[in-house]
Amino acid sequence: MIKPSFSSSPRKFLSFGLYHQVLLESLPETAPLATPLDQANRDVKSAMEAVEAAEFQVMRMLALRDVADHGADATVSSVARRLLEHFGGDRQNAQYRRLLPQGVEGINRAPHAEEVKKINALAAALAESELPAEMKAVGTELVAAAGRLAGAIADVEKAVREESLRRGDLNLAKDRWLTAYTRSFGALLQQFGSREKADRFFKPVRDTSARGEADPAPAQS
């Protein structure tokens, strides 16, 4: 009897498991042994699909975070242009340099979490400045952009945590599957008293490579 290694893909587990389950179900005397394998196969399939769904959600949240990041970058650039116009295009103006000591790139190219802090700091500096009210008001645009980016960052972190949990569930399902698969071999060995007869209910080596799968190492029960 051979079986997938724990690191094998869940689809390989299902390939071995379904083959074994169908052979068990093919004979009245072994059909009762198929129930644990049926449940183990279902658990792995369900856990695999949950991981895949979580992976898609992570990618979706990453894309939405980048949308929020692009929006925040555009807002910072827009505010900086208006400030520069207010100061007559003088980038060396002392107040302009106090507000944007590292320039626009110093904010927009910062790591996402740091970017949020820098945008909020710029908004706070604008609010405390002696600029005209209409110039101070643009700080609300900055705060809104920073809020959207912060929310998108949090959504990514939540999605990544969820994916990690689902991968943990898959590992547990694979562990239960291996236990059920091994116990099934023991039950067949006890029922038939022959390793050769028991082995006939398991996917043979020649079939594992038929679709380009790597052959797992033989496992003894």
N, C-alpha and C. Protein backbone atom coordinates (compact mmCIF):
# COMPACT_ATOMS: atom_id res chain seq x y z
N MET A 1 0.84 -1.19 0.00
CA MET A 1 0.00 0.00 0.00
C MET A 1 0.88 1.24 0.00
N ILE A 2 0.61 2.14 -0.93
CA ILE A 2 1.31 3.43 -0.96
C ILE A 2 0.29 4.52 -0.66
N LYS A 3 0.81 5.65 -0.22
CA LYS A 3 -0.08 6.77 0.07
C LYS A 3 0.67 8.07 -0.16
N PRO A 4 -0.05 9.16 -0.37
CA PRO A 4 0.61 10.46 -0.58
C PRO A 4 1.35 10.90 0.68
N SER A 5 2.41 11.65 0.49
CA SER A 5 3.07 12.26 1.63
C SER A 5 2.21 13.41 2.13
N PHE A 6 2.42 13.82 3.37
CA PHE A 6 1.60 14.89 3.95
C PHE A 6 1.69 16.17 3.12
N SER A 7 2.85 16.38 2.48
CA SER A 7 3.05 17.62 1.71
C SER A 7 2.42 17.56 0.32
N SER A 8 1.89 16.41 -0.06
CA SER A 8 1.26 16.29 -1.37
C SER A 8 0.05 17.21 -1.48
N SER A 9 -0.31 17.54 -2.70
CA SER A 9 -1.46 18.42 -2.91
C SER A 9 -2.75 17.71 -2.48
N PRO A 10 -3.74 18.46 -2.06
CA PRO A 10 -5.01 17.83 -1.69
C PRO A 10 -5.65 17.08 -2.85
N ARG A 11 -5.38 17.50 -4.07
CA ARG A 11 -5.94 16.80 -5.22
C ARG A 11 -5.34 15.40 -5.35
N LYS A 12 -4.09 15.25 -4.97
CA LYS A 12 -3.51 13.91 -4.99
C LYS A 12 -4.16 13.04 -3.90
N PHE A 13 -4.43 13.64 -2.75
CA PHE A 13 -5.14 12.90 -1.70
C PHE A 13 -6.48 12.40 -2.24
N LEU A 14 -7.20 13.26 -2.93
CA LEU A 14 -8.50 12.88 -3.45
C LEU A 14 -8.39 11.82 -4.54
N SER A 15 -7.32 11.91 -5.33
CA SER A 15 -7.11 10.91 -6.37
C SER A 15 -6.94 9.52 -5.75
N PHE A 16 -6.09 9.43 -4.74
CA PHE A 16 -5.88 8.16 -4.05
C PHE A 16 -7.14 7.74 -3.29
N GLY A 17 -7.76 8.70 -2.63
CA GLY A 17 -8.91 8.38 -1.79
C GLY A 17 -10.11 7.91 -2.56
N LEU A 18 -10.40 8.55 -3.69
CA LEU A 18 -11.56 8.15 -4.48
C LEU A 18 -11.35 6.76 -5.08
N TYR A 19 -10.14 6.53 -5.57
CA TYR A 19 -9.83 5.21 -6.13
C TYR A 19 -10.08 4.13 -5.08
N HIS A 20 -9.55 4.36 -3.90
CA HIS A 20 -9.68 3.37 -2.83
C HIS A 20 -11.14 3.21 -2.40
N GLN A 21 -11.85 4.31 -2.30
CA GLN A 21 -13.24 4.26 -1.88
C GLN A 21 -14.10 3.47 -2.85
N VAL A 22 -13.90 3.72 -4.14
CA VAL A 22 -14.71 3.02 -5.16
C VAL A 22 -14.44 1.52 -5.13
N LEU A 23 -13.17 1.15 -4.96
CA LEU A 23 -12.87 -0.28 -4.89
C LEU A 23 -13.48 -0.93 -3.65
N LEU A 24 -13.49 -0.21 -2.55
CA LEU A 24 -14.13 -0.75 -1.35
C LEU A 24 -15.62 -0.94 -1.58
N GLU A 25 -16.25 0.01 -2.23
CA GLU A 25 -17.69 -0.04 -2.46
C GLU A 25 -18.08 -1.11 -3.48
N SER A 26 -17.10 -1.60 -4.23
CA SER A 26 -17.41 -2.55 -5.30
C SER A 26 -17.73 -3.96 -4.79
N LEU A 27 -17.38 -4.26 -3.53
CA LEU A 27 -17.65 -5.59 -2.97
C LEU A 27 -18.50 -5.46 -1.72
N PRO A 28 -19.53 -6.29 -1.58
CA PRO A 28 -20.39 -6.22 -0.39
C PRO A 28 -19.62 -6.37 0.91
N GLU A 29 -18.60 -7.25 0.91
CA GLU A 29 -17.89 -7.51 2.15
C GLU A 29 -16.94 -6.38 2.56
N THR A 30 -16.58 -5.52 1.61
CA THR A 30 -15.69 -4.40 1.96
C THR A 30 -16.42 -3.06 1.93
N ALA A 31 -17.64 -3.02 1.45
CA ALA A 31 -18.38 -1.76 1.33
C ALA A 31 -18.49 -0.99 2.65
N PRO A 32 -18.69 -1.65 3.79
CA PRO A 32 -18.77 -0.90 5.05
C PRO A 32 -17.50 -0.11 5.37
N LEU A 33 -16.37 -0.59 4.86
CA LEU A 33 -15.10 0.10 5.13
C LEU A 33 -14.98 1.41 4.35
N ALA A 34 -15.87 1.60 3.37
CA ALA A 34 -15.78 2.80 2.53
C ALA A 34 -16.27 4.05 3.24
N THR A 35 -17.10 3.88 4.27
CA THR A 35 -17.70 5.05 4.94
C THR A 35 -16.66 6.02 5.50
N PRO A 36 -15.65 5.55 6.24
CA PRO A 36 -14.65 6.49 6.75
C PRO A 36 -13.88 7.20 5.63
N LEU A 37 -13.61 6.47 4.53
CA LEU A 37 -12.90 7.08 3.41
C LEU A 37 -13.76 8.12 2.71
N ASP A 38 -15.05 7.83 2.60
CA ASP A 38 -15.96 8.79 2.00
C ASP A 38 -15.94 10.11 2.78
N GLN A 39 -16.00 10.00 4.11
CA GLN A 39 -15.98 11.19 4.95
C GLN A 39 -14.62 11.90 4.84
N ALA A 40 -13.54 11.13 4.84
CA ALA A 40 -12.21 11.72 4.74
C ALA A 40 -12.02 12.45 3.42
N ASN A 41 -12.51 11.86 2.34
CA ASN A 41 -12.43 12.50 1.03
C ASN A 41 -13.24 13.79 0.99
N ARG A 42 -14.44 13.74 1.57
CA ARG A 42 -15.29 14.92 1.60
C ARG A 42 -14.63 16.05 2.41
N ASP A 43 -14.01 15.67 3.52
CA ASP A 43 -13.36 16.68 4.37
C ASP A 43 -12.21 17.35 3.64
N VAL A 44 -11.39 16.56 2.96
CA VAL A 44 -10.26 17.14 2.23
C VAL A 44 -10.76 18.04 1.10
N LYS A 45 -11.77 17.58 0.38
CA LYS A 45 -12.32 18.37 -0.73
C LYS A 45 -12.88 19.69 -0.22
N SER A 46 -13.65 19.62 0.86
CA SER A 46 -14.24 20.84 1.42
C SER A 46 -13.15 21.81 1.90
N ALA A 47 -12.14 21.26 2.58
CA ALA A 47 -11.06 22.11 3.09
C ALA A 47 -10.25 22.71 1.94
N MET A 48 -10.02 21.93 0.90
CA MET A 48 -9.30 22.41 -0.27
C MET A 48 -10.05 23.57 -0.94
N GLU A 49 -11.35 23.41 -1.09
CA GLU A 49 -12.15 24.46 -1.72
C GLU A 49 -12.18 25.72 -0.86
N ALA A 50 -12.17 25.54 0.47
CA ALA A 50 -12.15 26.69 1.36
C ALA A 50 -10.83 27.44 1.24
N VAL A 51 -9.73 26.71 1.10
CA VAL A 51 -8.42 27.35 0.91
C VAL A 51 -8.41 28.12 -0.41
N GLU A 52 -8.91 27.51 -1.46
CA GLU A 52 -8.93 28.17 -2.76
C GLU A 52 -9.76 29.44 -2.72
N ALA A 53 -10.91 29.38 -2.05
CA ALA A 53 -11.75 30.56 -1.92
C ALA A 53 -11.04 31.64 -1.13
N ALA A 54 -10.32 31.24 -0.08
CA ALA A 54 -9.57 32.21 0.73
C ALA A 54 -8.45 32.84 -0.08
N GLU A 55 -7.80 32.05 -0.93
CA GLU A 55 -6.73 32.58 -1.78
C GLU A 55 -7.28 33.63 -2.74
N PHE A 56 -8.44 33.35 -3.32
CA PHE A 56 -9.06 34.33 -4.22
C PHE A 56 -9.41 35.61 -3.47
N GLN A 57 -9.88 35.45 -2.24
CA GLN A 57 -10.24 36.62 -1.45
C GLN A 57 -9.01 37.46 -1.12
N VAL A 58 -7.89 36.81 -0.82
CA VAL A 58 -6.66 37.56 -0.57
C VAL A 58 -6.28 38.36 -1.80
N MET A 59 -6.34 37.73 -2.97
CA MET A 59 -5.97 38.43 -4.19
C MET A 59 -6.92 39.61 -4.46
N ARG A 60 -8.19 39.40 -4.19
CA ARG A 60 -9.16 40.48 -4.38
C ARG A 60 -8.86 41.65 -3.45
N MET A 61 -8.56 41.34 -2.20
CA MET A 61 -8.28 42.40 -1.23
C MET A 61 -6.96 43.12 -1.55
N LEU A 62 -5.98 42.37 -2.07
CA LEU A 62 -4.73 43.00 -2.48
C LEU A 62 -4.97 43.99 -3.62
N ALA A 63 -5.81 43.58 -4.57
CA ALA A 63 -6.13 44.47 -5.69
C ALA A 63 -6.86 45.72 -5.20
N LEU A 64 -7.81 45.54 -4.30
CA LEU A 64 -8.55 46.69 -3.78
C LEU A 64 -7.66 47.59 -2.94
N ARG A 65 -6.68 46.99 -2.23
CA ARG A 65 -5.73 47.82 -1.48
C ARG A 65 -4.92 48.68 -2.44
N ASP A 66 -4.52 48.08 -3.57
CA ASP A 66 -3.74 48.85 -4.54
C ASP A 66 -4.57 49.96 -5.17
N VAL A 67 -5.87 49.69 -5.36
CA VAL A 67 -6.76 50.75 -5.85
C VAL A 67 -6.80 51.90 -4.85
N ALA A 68 -6.92 51.57 -3.57
CA ALA A 68 -6.94 52.61 -2.54
C ALA A 68 -5.60 53.33 -2.47
N ASP A 69 -4.52 52.59 -2.67
CA ASP A 69 -3.19 53.20 -2.65
C ASP A 69 -3.02 54.17 -3.80
N HIS A 70 -3.46 53.76 -4.99
CA HIS A 70 -3.37 54.66 -6.14
C HIS A 70 -4.21 55.92 -5.90
N GLY A 71 -5.37 55.73 -5.29
CA GLY A 71 -6.21 56.89 -4.99
C GLY A 71 -5.57 57.82 -3.98
N ALA A 72 -4.94 57.24 -2.97
CA ALA A 72 -4.25 58.06 -1.97
C ALA A 72 -3.09 58.81 -2.60
N ASP A 73 -2.34 58.14 -3.47
CA ASP A 73 -1.23 58.80 -4.16
C ASP A 73 -1.72 59.99 -4.98
N ALA A 74 -2.82 59.77 -5.68
CA ALA A 74 -3.37 60.84 -6.52
C ALA A 74 -3.83 62.01 -5.66
N THR A 75 -4.41 61.72 -4.50
CA THR A 75 -4.88 62.79 -3.60
C THR A 75 -3.71 63.59 -3.06
N VAL A 76 -2.66 62.91 -2.63
CA VAL A 76 -1.48 63.61 -2.12
C VAL A 76 -0.87 64.49 -3.21
N SER A 77 -0.77 63.94 -4.43
CA SER A 77 -0.20 64.71 -5.54
C SER A 77 -1.05 65.94 -5.85
N SER A 78 -2.37 65.76 -5.80
CA SER A 78 -3.28 66.87 -6.08
C SER A 78 -3.14 67.97 -5.02
N VAL A 79 -3.10 67.57 -3.75
CA VAL A 79 -2.95 68.54 -2.66
C VAL A 79 -1.61 69.27 -2.78
N ALA A 80 -0.56 68.52 -3.12
CA ALA A 80 0.76 69.13 -3.26
C ALA A 80 0.77 70.16 -4.39
N ARG A 81 0.10 69.85 -5.50
CA ARG A 81 0.03 70.81 -6.61
C ARG A 81 -0.67 72.09 -6.19
N ARG A 82 -1.77 71.94 -5.45
CA ARG A 82 -2.50 73.12 -5.01
C ARG A 82 -1.68 73.95 -4.03
N LEU A 83 -0.95 73.27 -3.18
CA LEU A 83 -0.08 74.00 -2.26
C LEU A 83 1.01 74.75 -3.02
N LEU A 84 1.58 74.08 -4.01
CA LEU A 84 2.64 74.70 -4.79
C LEU A 84 2.11 75.92 -5.55
N GLU A 85 0.92 75.80 -6.08
CA GLU A 85 0.30 76.95 -6.76
C GLU A 85 0.08 78.09 -5.78
N HIS A 86 -0.34 77.74 -4.56
CA HIS A 86 -0.57 78.79 -3.54
C HIS A 86 0.72 79.53 -3.22
N PHE A 87 1.84 78.79 -3.24
CA PHE A 87 3.13 79.42 -2.93
C PHE A 87 3.85 79.88 -4.18
N GLY A 88 3.11 80.06 -5.25
CA GLY A 88 3.68 80.61 -6.47
C GLY A 88 4.69 79.71 -7.15
N GLY A 89 4.57 78.42 -6.96
CA GLY A 89 5.47 77.48 -7.60
C GLY A 89 6.83 77.38 -6.93
N ASP A 90 6.97 77.99 -5.77
CA ASP A 90 8.26 78.00 -5.07
C ASP A 90 8.38 76.79 -4.15
N ARG A 91 9.12 75.78 -4.62
CA ARG A 91 9.30 74.58 -3.82
C ARG A 91 10.20 74.81 -2.61
N GLN A 92 10.92 75.93 -2.62
CA GLN A 92 11.81 76.22 -1.51
C GLN A 92 11.13 77.06 -0.43
N ASN A 93 9.85 77.36 -0.64
CA ASN A 93 9.11 78.12 0.37
C ASN A 93 9.17 77.38 1.70
N ALA A 94 9.48 78.11 2.76
CA ALA A 94 9.68 77.48 4.07
C ALA A 94 8.44 76.73 4.54
N GLN A 95 7.27 77.32 4.34
CA GLN A 95 6.04 76.66 4.79
C GLN A 95 5.74 75.41 3.96
N TYR A 96 6.00 75.51 2.65
CA TYR A 96 5.79 74.35 1.78
C TYR A 96 6.71 73.20 2.21
N ARG A 97 7.96 73.52 2.52
CA ARG A 97 8.92 72.50 2.91
C ARG A 97 8.58 71.91 4.28
N ARG A 98 7.98 72.73 5.15
CA ARG A 98 7.57 72.19 6.45
C ARG A 98 6.43 71.19 6.28
N LEU A 99 5.53 71.50 5.36
CA LEU A 99 4.39 70.62 5.13
C LEU A 99 4.80 69.34 4.40
N LEU A 100 5.73 69.47 3.46
CA LEU A 100 6.17 68.33 2.67
C LEU A 100 7.70 68.24 2.70
N PRO A 101 8.27 67.92 3.85
CA PRO A 101 9.73 67.90 3.97
C PRO A 101 10.40 66.87 3.06
N GLN A 102 9.70 65.78 2.76
CA GLN A 102 10.27 64.75 1.88
C GLN A 102 9.62 64.75 0.50
N GLY A 103 8.83 65.78 0.24
CA GLY A 103 8.15 65.85 -1.05
C GLY A 103 7.02 64.84 -1.17
N VAL A 104 6.41 64.85 -2.33
CA VAL A 104 5.30 63.93 -2.59
C VAL A 104 5.77 62.48 -2.56
N GLU A 105 6.93 62.21 -3.14
CA GLU A 105 7.42 60.83 -3.20
C GLU A 105 7.71 60.27 -1.81
N GLY A 106 8.09 61.14 -0.90
CA GLY A 106 8.36 60.68 0.46
C GLY A 106 7.12 60.10 1.12
N ILE A 107 5.96 60.53 0.66
CA ILE A 107 4.69 59.97 1.18
C ILE A 107 4.24 58.80 0.32
N ASN A 108 4.17 59.03 -0.99
CA ASN A 108 3.58 58.04 -1.88
C ASN A 108 4.40 56.75 -2.02
N ARG A 109 5.69 56.83 -1.76
CA ARG A 109 6.52 55.63 -1.91
C ARG A 109 6.81 54.95 -0.57
N ALA A 110 6.23 55.45 0.48
CA ALA A 110 6.41 54.83 1.80
C ALA A 110 5.63 53.52 1.86
N PRO A 111 6.03 52.58 2.71
CA PRO A 111 5.23 51.36 2.92
C PRO A 111 3.80 51.74 3.29
N HIS A 112 2.87 50.91 2.95
CA HIS A 112 1.45 51.29 3.04
C HIS A 112 1.06 51.82 4.41
N ALA A 113 1.40 51.10 5.48
CA ALA A 113 1.01 51.55 6.81
C ALA A 113 1.67 52.89 7.15
N GLU A 114 2.92 53.05 6.74
CA GLU A 114 3.63 54.31 6.99
C GLU A 114 3.04 55.43 6.15
N GLU A 115 2.59 55.10 4.96
CA GLU A 115 1.97 56.09 4.09
C GLU A 115 0.71 56.67 4.74
N VAL A 116 -0.07 55.81 5.35
CA VAL A 116 -1.28 56.28 6.04
C VAL A 116 -0.92 57.30 7.12
N LYS A 117 0.12 56.98 7.90
CA LYS A 117 0.55 57.89 8.97
C LYS A 117 1.03 59.23 8.40
N LYS A 118 1.77 59.18 7.32
CA LYS A 118 2.30 60.40 6.71
C LYS A 118 1.18 61.27 6.13
N ILE A 119 0.19 60.62 5.52
CA ILE A 119 -0.93 61.39 4.96
C ILE A 119 -1.71 62.07 6.08
N ASN A 120 -1.97 61.33 7.15
CA ASN A 120 -2.69 61.93 8.29
C ASN A 120 -1.87 63.04 8.94
N ALA A 121 -0.55 62.86 8.97
CA ALA A 121 0.31 63.90 9.53
C ALA A 121 0.25 65.15 8.68
N LEU A 122 0.22 64.99 7.35
CA LEU A 122 0.11 66.15 6.47
C LEU A 122 -1.23 66.85 6.67
N ALA A 123 -2.29 66.08 6.82
CA ALA A 123 -3.61 66.67 7.06
C ALA A 123 -3.61 67.46 8.36
N ALA A 124 -2.99 66.90 9.41
CA ALA A 124 -2.94 67.59 10.70
C ALA A 124 -2.11 68.86 10.61
N ALA A 125 -1.01 68.81 9.85
CA ALA A 125 -0.16 69.99 9.68
C ALA A 125 -0.89 71.08 8.93
N LEU A 126 -1.67 70.69 7.95
CA LEU A 126 -2.47 71.68 7.21
C LEU A 126 -3.48 72.35 8.13
N ALA A 127 -4.12 71.56 8.97
CA ALA A 127 -5.14 72.10 9.88
C ALA A 127 -4.53 73.10 10.86
N GLU A 128 -3.26 72.90 11.24
CA GLU A 128 -2.61 73.78 12.22
C GLU A 128 -1.86 74.93 11.56
N SER A 129 -1.82 74.94 10.23
CA SER A 129 -1.06 75.98 9.52
C SER A 129 -1.82 77.30 9.50
N GLU A 130 -1.15 78.31 8.99
CA GLU A 130 -1.77 79.63 8.86
C GLU A 130 -2.28 79.87 7.44
N LEU A 131 -2.48 78.81 6.73
CA LEU A 131 -2.98 78.92 5.36
C LEU A 131 -4.44 79.35 5.36
N PRO A 132 -4.93 79.88 4.24
CA PRO A 132 -6.34 80.25 4.13
C PRO A 132 -7.25 79.04 4.36
N ALA A 133 -8.45 79.31 4.78
CA ALA A 133 -9.40 78.24 5.11
C ALA A 133 -9.61 77.27 3.96
N GLU A 134 -9.66 77.79 2.73
CA GLU A 134 -9.91 76.91 1.60
C GLU A 134 -8.74 75.93 1.37
N MET A 135 -7.53 76.36 1.76
CA MET A 135 -6.39 75.47 1.64
C MET A 135 -6.38 74.44 2.77
N LYS A 136 -6.74 74.87 3.96
CA LYS A 136 -6.82 73.94 5.08
C LYS A 136 -7.86 72.85 4.82
N ALA A 137 -8.92 73.22 4.10
CA ALA A 137 -10.04 72.31 3.88
C ALA A 137 -9.63 71.07 3.08
N VAL A 138 -8.54 71.19 2.30
CA VAL A 138 -8.15 70.03 1.50
C VAL A 138 -7.64 68.90 2.39
N GLY A 139 -7.38 69.22 3.65
CA GLY A 139 -6.97 68.17 4.59
C GLY A 139 -8.02 67.09 4.74
N THR A 140 -9.29 67.45 4.56
CA THR A 140 -10.35 66.44 4.68
C THR A 140 -10.23 65.39 3.56
N GLU A 141 -9.75 65.83 2.39
CA GLU A 141 -9.55 64.88 1.30
C GLU A 141 -8.44 63.89 1.66
N LEU A 142 -7.41 64.42 2.31
CA LEU A 142 -6.30 63.57 2.72
C LEU A 142 -6.76 62.55 3.77
N VAL A 143 -7.52 63.02 4.75
CA VAL A 143 -8.00 62.13 5.80
C VAL A 143 -8.88 61.02 5.21
N ALA A 144 -9.73 61.39 4.25
CA ALA A 144 -10.61 60.40 3.62
C ALA A 144 -9.78 59.36 2.85
N ALA A 145 -8.78 59.83 2.12
CA ALA A 145 -7.94 58.92 1.33
C ALA A 145 -7.16 57.99 2.25
N ALA A 146 -6.63 58.55 3.34
CA ALA A 146 -5.89 57.72 4.31
C ALA A 146 -6.81 56.69 4.95
N GLY A 147 -8.04 57.08 5.23
CA GLY A 147 -9.00 56.15 5.82
C GLY A 147 -9.33 55.00 4.89
N ARG A 148 -9.48 55.31 3.60
CA ARG A 148 -9.76 54.24 2.63
C ARG A 148 -8.58 53.28 2.53
N LEU A 149 -7.37 53.84 2.52
CA LEU A 149 -6.19 52.98 2.43
C LEU A 149 -6.02 52.14 3.69
N ALA A 150 -6.24 52.74 4.84
CA ALA A 150 -6.13 51.99 6.10
C ALA A 150 -7.15 50.85 6.14
N GLY A 151 -8.36 51.14 5.69
CA GLY A 151 -9.38 50.09 5.66
C GLY A 151 -9.01 48.96 4.71
N ALA A 152 -8.44 49.32 3.57
CA ALA A 152 -8.03 48.30 2.59
C ALA A 152 -6.88 47.46 3.13
N ILE A 153 -5.96 48.09 3.85
CA ILE A 153 -4.86 47.34 4.47
C ILE A 153 -5.41 46.35 5.49
N ALA A 154 -6.35 46.79 6.28
CA ALA A 154 -6.96 45.91 7.29
C ALA A 154 -7.69 44.74 6.63
N ASP A 155 -8.33 45.01 5.50
CA ASP A 155 -9.04 43.94 4.79
C ASP A 155 -8.06 42.88 4.27
N VAL A 156 -6.90 43.33 3.79
CA VAL A 156 -5.88 42.37 3.34
C VAL A 156 -5.42 41.52 4.51
N GLU A 157 -5.13 42.15 5.63
CA GLU A 157 -4.65 41.41 6.80
C GLU A 157 -5.70 40.39 7.27
N LYS A 158 -6.96 40.79 7.23
CA LYS A 158 -8.03 39.88 7.63
C LYS A 158 -8.11 38.69 6.66
N ALA A 159 -7.99 38.96 5.36
CA ALA A 159 -8.06 37.90 4.37
C ALA A 159 -6.89 36.94 4.51
N VAL A 160 -5.70 37.48 4.80
CA VAL A 160 -4.52 36.63 4.97
C VAL A 160 -4.68 35.73 6.20
N ARG A 161 -5.22 36.30 7.29
CA ARG A 161 -5.46 35.48 8.49
C ARG A 161 -6.46 34.37 8.20
N GLU A 162 -7.49 34.69 7.45
CA GLU A 162 -8.50 33.70 7.10
C GLU A 162 -7.88 32.58 6.25
N GLU A 163 -7.04 32.97 5.30
CA GLU A 163 -6.38 31.96 4.47
C GLU A 163 -5.52 31.03 5.34
N SER A 164 -4.81 31.62 6.30
CA SER A 164 -3.97 30.82 7.19
C SER A 164 -4.81 29.82 7.99
N LEU A 165 -5.96 30.27 8.47
CA LEU A 165 -6.85 29.38 9.21
C LEU A 165 -7.36 28.24 8.33
N ARG A 166 -7.73 28.58 7.11
CA ARG A 166 -8.25 27.55 6.21
C ARG A 166 -7.15 26.55 5.84
N ARG A 167 -5.91 27.01 5.72
CA ARG A 167 -4.80 26.09 5.46
C ARG A 167 -4.59 25.15 6.66
N GLY A 168 -4.79 25.69 7.85
CA GLY A 168 -4.72 24.85 9.04
C GLY A 168 -5.79 23.78 9.02
N ASP A 169 -7.00 24.16 8.62
CA ASP A 169 -8.09 23.18 8.51
C ASP A 169 -7.76 22.10 7.48
N LEU A 170 -7.15 22.52 6.37
CA LEU A 170 -6.77 21.55 5.34
C LEU A 170 -5.74 20.57 5.87
N ASN A 171 -4.78 21.06 6.61
CA ASN A 171 -3.77 20.17 7.18
C ASN A 171 -4.39 19.15 8.13
N LEU A 172 -5.36 19.61 8.92
CA LEU A 172 -6.05 18.69 9.82
C LEU A 172 -6.83 17.65 9.02
N ALA A 173 -7.48 18.08 7.94
CA ALA A 173 -8.24 17.16 7.11
C ALA A 173 -7.32 16.13 6.45
N LYS A 174 -6.15 16.59 6.01
CA LYS A 174 -5.18 15.66 5.40
C LYS A 174 -4.67 14.66 6.44
N ASP A 175 -4.46 15.12 7.65
CA ASP A 175 -4.00 14.23 8.71
C ASP A 175 -5.06 13.16 9.01
N ARG A 176 -6.34 13.58 9.08
CA ARG A 176 -7.41 12.61 9.32
C ARG A 176 -7.53 11.64 8.16
N TRP A 177 -7.32 12.16 6.95
CA TRP A 177 -7.39 11.30 5.76
C TRP A 177 -6.32 10.22 5.82
N LEU A 178 -5.09 10.61 6.15
CA LEU A 178 -4.01 9.63 6.23
C LEU A 178 -4.30 8.56 7.29
N THR A 179 -4.90 8.98 8.40
CA THR A 179 -5.26 8.02 9.44
C THR A 179 -6.31 7.03 8.93
N ALA A 180 -7.34 7.56 8.25
CA ALA A 180 -8.40 6.71 7.73
C ALA A 180 -7.86 5.76 6.66
N TYR A 181 -6.99 6.26 5.82
CA TYR A 181 -6.42 5.46 4.73
C TYR A 181 -5.58 4.31 5.29
N THR A 182 -4.76 4.64 6.29
CA THR A 182 -3.91 3.62 6.91
C THR A 182 -4.73 2.58 7.66
N ARG A 183 -5.75 3.05 8.38
CA ARG A 183 -6.62 2.12 9.11
C ARG A 183 -7.37 1.20 8.16
N SER A 184 -7.70 1.72 7.00
CA SER A 184 -8.41 0.91 6.02
C SER A 184 -7.54 -0.26 5.56
N PHE A 185 -6.26 0.02 5.38
CA PHE A 185 -5.34 -1.06 5.01
C PHE A 185 -5.29 -2.12 6.10
N GLY A 186 -5.23 -1.66 7.35
CA GLY A 186 -5.20 -2.61 8.46
C GLY A 186 -6.45 -3.45 8.52
N ALA A 187 -7.60 -2.81 8.27
CA ALA A 187 -8.86 -3.55 8.30
C ALA A 187 -8.92 -4.58 7.18
N LEU A 188 -8.43 -4.22 6.00
CA LEU A 188 -8.43 -5.17 4.88
C LEU A 188 -7.46 -6.32 5.14
N LEU A 189 -6.33 -5.98 5.72
CA LEU A 189 -5.34 -7.02 6.03
C LEU A 189 -5.91 -8.03 7.03
N GLN A 190 -6.65 -7.49 8.00
CA GLN A 190 -7.27 -8.37 8.99
C GLN A 190 -8.39 -9.19 8.37
N GLN A 191 -9.14 -8.57 7.47
CA GLN A 191 -10.27 -9.27 6.86
C GLN A 191 -9.82 -10.38 5.91
N PHE A 192 -8.80 -10.12 5.10
CA PHE A 192 -8.38 -11.10 4.11
C PHE A 192 -7.17 -11.92 4.53
N GLY A 193 -6.45 -11.44 5.52
CA GLY A 193 -5.27 -12.17 5.97
C GLY A 193 -4.17 -12.22 4.93
N SER A 194 -4.20 -11.30 3.97
CA SER A 194 -3.22 -11.32 2.88
C SER A 194 -2.88 -9.89 2.48
N ARG A 195 -1.61 -9.56 2.50
CA ARG A 195 -1.18 -8.23 2.09
C ARG A 195 -1.45 -8.01 0.60
N GLU A 196 -1.25 -9.06 -0.19
CA GLU A 196 -1.48 -8.94 -1.62
C GLU A 196 -2.93 -8.59 -1.93
N LYS A 197 -3.86 -9.26 -1.25
CA LYS A 197 -5.29 -8.97 -1.47
C LYS A 197 -5.66 -7.58 -0.97
N ALA A 198 -5.07 -7.17 0.15
CA ALA A 198 -5.36 -5.83 0.68
C ALA A 198 -4.83 -4.76 -0.26
N ASP A 199 -3.64 -4.99 -0.82
CA ASP A 199 -3.03 -4.00 -1.71
C ASP A 199 -3.85 -3.75 -2.97
N ARG A 200 -4.65 -4.73 -3.37
CA ARG A 200 -5.43 -4.57 -4.59
C ARG A 200 -6.48 -3.46 -4.48
N PHE A 201 -6.80 -3.05 -3.26
CA PHE A 201 -7.81 -2.01 -3.06
C PHE A 201 -7.21 -0.60 -3.08
N PHE A 202 -5.91 -0.52 -3.30
CA PHE A 202 -5.24 0.78 -3.26
C PHE A 202 -4.65 1.12 -4.62
N LYS A 203 -4.57 2.41 -4.87
CA LYS A 203 -4.06 2.89 -6.16
C LYS A 203 -2.62 2.41 -6.36
N PRO A 204 -2.35 1.69 -7.45
CA PRO A 204 -1.00 1.15 -7.65
C PRO A 204 -0.02 2.22 -8.14
N VAL A 205 1.26 1.90 -8.03
CA VAL A 205 2.31 2.84 -8.40
C VAL A 205 2.19 3.26 -9.85
N ARG A 206 1.88 2.34 -10.74
CA ARG A 206 1.85 2.66 -12.17
C ARG A 206 0.81 3.72 -12.49
N ASP A 207 -0.26 3.81 -11.66
CA ASP A 207 -1.31 4.80 -11.92
C ASP A 207 -0.94 6.17 -11.37
N THR A 208 -0.02 6.23 -10.39
CA THR A 208 0.31 7.53 -9.81
C THR A 208 1.07 8.40 -10.78
N SER A 209 1.79 7.76 -11.73
CA SER A 209 2.58 8.54 -12.68
C SER A 209 1.86 8.72 -14.02
N ALA A 210 0.65 8.16 -14.15
CA ALA A 210 -0.07 8.22 -15.41
C ALA A 210 -0.40 9.65 -15.81
N ARG A 211 -0.58 10.52 -14.84
CA ARG A 211 -0.90 11.91 -15.11
C ARG A 211 0.23 12.84 -14.70
N GLY A 212 1.43 12.31 -14.67
CA GLY A 212 2.56 13.14 -14.33
C GLY A 212 2.75 13.35 -12.86
N GLU A 213 2.10 12.53 -12.02
CA GLU A 213 2.26 12.68 -10.58
C GLU A 213 3.54 12.00 -10.15
N ALA A 214 4.22 12.57 -9.17
CA ALA A 214 5.40 11.92 -8.61
C ALA A 214 4.96 10.78 -7.73
N ASP A 215 5.63 9.65 -7.83
CA ASP A 215 5.27 8.50 -7.01
C ASP A 215 5.63 8.74 -5.56
N PRO A 216 4.68 8.59 -4.65
CA PRO A 216 5.02 8.72 -3.23
C PRO A 216 5.79 7.51 -2.75
N ALA A 217 6.51 7.70 -1.68
CA ALA A 217 7.28 6.59 -1.12
C ALA A 217 6.34 5.55 -0.54
N PRO A 218 6.68 4.28 -0.67
CA PRO A 218 5.83 3.23 -0.08
C PRO A 218 5.67 3.45 1.42
N ALA A 219 4.47 3.23 1.90
CA ALA A 219 4.21 3.38 3.34
C ALA A 219 3.68 2.06 3.86
N GLN A 220 4.27 1.58 4.91
CA GLN A 220 3.83 0.34 5.52
C GLN A 220 2.87 0.63 6.66
N SER A 221 1.85 -0.19 6.78
CA SER A 221 0.94 -0.04 7.89
C SER A 221 1.39 -0.94 9.03
